[in-house]
Amino acid sequence: MKVLGHRNIQNTTLYTQLISFESDEYHSATATTVQDAQKLVEAGFEYVCDFNEVKVFRKRK
């Protein structure tokens, strides 16, 4: 309420109902070949980083 500058909580609740709060939980997967990485991207995973010559991907639950 304070952040949005509203005097009435009812105004704030209108906006908070429009927001989609996403989960902070992820599925994770790894790829060692280009073909593995391609399959993960096609399945909706996003690239995160490389670790020990393995590509790490994640997707929200």
N, C-alpha and C. Protein backbone atom coordinates (compact mmCIF):
# COMPACT_ATOMS: atom_id res chain seq x y z
N MET A 1 0.82 -1.17 0.00
CA MET A 1 0.00 0.00 0.00
C MET A 1 0.88 1.25 0.00
N LYS A 2 1.91 1.24 0.85
CA LYS A 2 2.79 2.40 0.94
C LYS A 2 3.61 2.57 -0.33
N VAL A 3 4.08 1.46 -0.88
CA VAL A 3 4.92 1.52 -2.08
C VAL A 3 4.15 2.09 -3.26
N LEU A 4 2.88 1.71 -3.39
CA LEU A 4 2.07 2.19 -4.50
C LEU A 4 1.45 3.55 -4.24
N GLY A 5 1.56 4.03 -3.00
CA GLY A 5 1.05 5.34 -2.66
C GLY A 5 -0.46 5.40 -2.46
N HIS A 6 -1.06 4.26 -2.12
CA HIS A 6 -2.50 4.21 -1.91
C HIS A 6 -2.86 4.54 -0.47
N ARG A 7 -3.94 5.25 -0.31
CA ARG A 7 -4.45 5.55 1.04
C ARG A 7 -5.41 4.45 1.50
N ASN A 8 -6.02 3.78 0.56
CA ASN A 8 -7.03 2.78 0.86
C ASN A 8 -6.50 1.40 0.44
N ILE A 9 -6.54 0.43 1.34
CA ILE A 9 -6.05 -0.91 1.04
C ILE A 9 -6.82 -1.57 -0.11
N GLN A 10 -8.07 -1.19 -0.32
CA GLN A 10 -8.87 -1.77 -1.41
C GLN A 10 -8.27 -1.44 -2.77
N ASN A 11 -7.69 -0.27 -2.92
CA ASN A 11 -7.02 0.08 -4.18
C ASN A 11 -5.82 -0.82 -4.42
N THR A 12 -5.08 -1.11 -3.36
CA THR A 12 -3.90 -1.96 -3.48
C THR A 12 -4.30 -3.39 -3.84
N THR A 13 -5.35 -3.90 -3.24
CA THR A 13 -5.77 -5.28 -3.52
C THR A 13 -6.20 -5.46 -4.97
N LEU A 14 -6.68 -4.41 -5.61
CA LEU A 14 -7.02 -4.51 -7.03
C LEU A 14 -5.79 -4.84 -7.86
N TYR A 15 -4.67 -4.20 -7.55
CA TYR A 15 -3.44 -4.41 -8.31
C TYR A 15 -2.79 -5.75 -7.97
N THR A 16 -2.82 -6.14 -6.71
CA THR A 16 -2.16 -7.39 -6.34
C THR A 16 -2.87 -8.59 -6.94
N GLN A 17 -4.15 -8.50 -7.26
CA GLN A 17 -4.85 -9.60 -7.91
C GLN A 17 -4.43 -9.75 -9.36
N LEU A 18 -3.87 -8.71 -9.95
CA LEU A 18 -3.42 -8.76 -11.34
C LEU A 18 -2.03 -9.35 -11.49
N ILE A 19 -1.31 -9.47 -10.39
CA ILE A 19 0.07 -9.95 -10.43
C ILE A 19 0.08 -11.47 -10.31
N SER A 20 0.88 -12.10 -11.14
CA SER A 20 1.07 -13.55 -11.06
C SER A 20 2.38 -13.82 -10.33
N PHE A 21 2.29 -14.31 -9.11
CA PHE A 21 3.48 -14.61 -8.34
C PHE A 21 3.98 -16.00 -8.74
N GLU A 22 5.16 -16.05 -9.32
CA GLU A 22 5.71 -17.32 -9.78
C GLU A 22 6.44 -18.02 -8.65
N SER A 23 6.46 -19.31 -8.73
CA SER A 23 7.15 -20.12 -7.74
C SER A 23 8.66 -19.92 -7.86
N ASP A 24 9.34 -20.03 -6.72
CA ASP A 24 10.80 -19.97 -6.72
C ASP A 24 11.41 -21.35 -6.85
N GLU A 25 10.59 -22.35 -7.13
CA GLU A 25 11.07 -23.71 -7.25
C GLU A 25 11.30 -24.05 -8.72
N TYR A 26 12.36 -24.83 -8.97
CA TYR A 26 12.74 -25.17 -10.34
C TYR A 26 12.99 -26.66 -10.48
N HIS A 27 12.75 -27.14 -11.69
CA HIS A 27 13.27 -28.44 -12.11
C HIS A 27 14.63 -28.13 -12.72
N SER A 28 15.60 -28.98 -12.51
CA SER A 28 16.91 -28.75 -13.12
C SER A 28 17.28 -29.95 -13.97
N ALA A 29 18.14 -29.69 -14.96
CA ALA A 29 18.61 -30.75 -15.85
C ALA A 29 19.97 -30.35 -16.39
N THR A 30 20.71 -31.32 -16.86
CA THR A 30 22.04 -31.06 -17.42
C THR A 30 22.14 -31.64 -18.83
N ALA A 31 23.04 -31.06 -19.60
CA ALA A 31 23.27 -31.52 -20.97
C ALA A 31 24.77 -31.58 -21.23
N THR A 32 25.20 -32.67 -21.85
CA THR A 32 26.61 -32.81 -22.20
C THR A 32 26.83 -32.73 -23.71
N THR A 33 25.73 -32.77 -24.47
CA THR A 33 25.85 -32.66 -25.93
C THR A 33 24.91 -31.57 -26.43
N VAL A 34 25.15 -31.16 -27.65
CA VAL A 34 24.28 -30.16 -28.27
C VAL A 34 22.86 -30.71 -28.41
N GLN A 35 22.74 -31.98 -28.73
CA GLN A 35 21.44 -32.59 -28.90
C GLN A 35 20.66 -32.60 -27.58
N ASP A 36 21.35 -32.91 -26.47
CA ASP A 36 20.71 -32.87 -25.16
C ASP A 36 20.23 -31.46 -24.83
N ALA A 37 21.07 -30.48 -25.09
CA ALA A 37 20.72 -29.08 -24.82
C ALA A 37 19.53 -28.66 -25.67
N GLN A 38 19.50 -29.06 -26.92
CA GLN A 38 18.41 -28.72 -27.81
C GLN A 38 17.09 -29.30 -27.30
N LYS A 39 17.10 -30.52 -26.84
CA LYS A 39 15.89 -31.15 -26.31
C LYS A 39 15.38 -30.40 -25.07
N LEU A 40 16.30 -29.99 -24.21
CA LEU A 40 15.91 -29.27 -23.00
C LEU A 40 15.29 -27.91 -23.34
N VAL A 41 15.91 -27.20 -24.28
CA VAL A 41 15.37 -25.90 -24.68
C VAL A 41 13.98 -26.08 -25.30
N GLU A 42 13.81 -27.08 -26.13
CA GLU A 42 12.51 -27.35 -26.74
C GLU A 42 11.46 -27.72 -25.70
N ALA A 43 11.91 -28.28 -24.56
CA ALA A 43 10.99 -28.67 -23.48
C ALA A 43 10.72 -27.51 -22.52
N GLY A 44 11.27 -26.32 -22.83
CA GLY A 44 10.98 -25.16 -22.00
C GLY A 44 12.02 -24.82 -20.95
N PHE A 45 13.14 -25.52 -20.94
CA PHE A 45 14.21 -25.23 -19.99
C PHE A 45 15.00 -24.02 -20.46
N GLU A 46 15.57 -23.28 -19.52
CA GLU A 46 16.43 -22.15 -19.86
C GLU A 46 17.85 -22.44 -19.38
N TYR A 47 18.82 -22.00 -20.17
CA TYR A 47 20.23 -22.19 -19.86
C TYR A 47 20.60 -21.36 -18.64
N VAL A 48 21.38 -21.95 -17.72
CA VAL A 48 21.82 -21.25 -16.53
C VAL A 48 23.32 -20.98 -16.58
N CYS A 49 24.13 -22.04 -16.74
CA CYS A 49 25.58 -21.88 -16.75
C CYS A 49 26.26 -23.18 -17.17
N ASP A 50 27.58 -23.10 -17.31
CA ASP A 50 28.41 -24.29 -17.53
C ASP A 50 29.08 -24.65 -16.22
N PHE A 51 29.18 -25.94 -15.93
CA PHE A 51 29.85 -26.40 -14.72
C PHE A 51 30.53 -27.72 -15.04
N ASN A 52 31.85 -27.76 -14.93
CA ASN A 52 32.62 -28.97 -15.22
C ASN A 52 32.26 -29.57 -16.58
N GLU A 53 32.25 -28.73 -17.60
CA GLU A 53 31.97 -29.13 -18.98
C GLU A 53 30.56 -29.68 -19.18
N VAL A 54 29.64 -29.33 -18.28
CA VAL A 54 28.24 -29.72 -18.40
C VAL A 54 27.41 -28.45 -18.39
N LYS A 55 26.42 -28.38 -19.24
CA LYS A 55 25.53 -27.22 -19.28
C LYS A 55 24.36 -27.48 -18.33
N VAL A 56 24.05 -26.49 -17.50
CA VAL A 56 22.98 -26.61 -16.51
C VAL A 56 21.78 -25.79 -17.00
N PHE A 57 20.60 -26.39 -16.92
CA PHE A 57 19.35 -25.77 -17.34
C PHE A 57 18.35 -25.82 -16.19
N ARG A 58 17.34 -24.93 -16.26
CA ARG A 58 16.28 -24.95 -15.25
C ARG A 58 14.96 -24.57 -15.90
N LYS A 59 13.87 -24.99 -15.22
CA LYS A 59 12.52 -24.65 -15.65
C LYS A 59 11.66 -24.55 -14.40
N ARG A 60 10.84 -23.53 -14.33
CA ARG A 60 9.97 -23.37 -13.17
C ARG A 60 9.00 -24.54 -13.04
N LYS A 61 8.76 -24.91 -11.79
CA LYS A 61 7.81 -26.01 -11.53
C LYS A 61 6.40 -25.55 -11.78
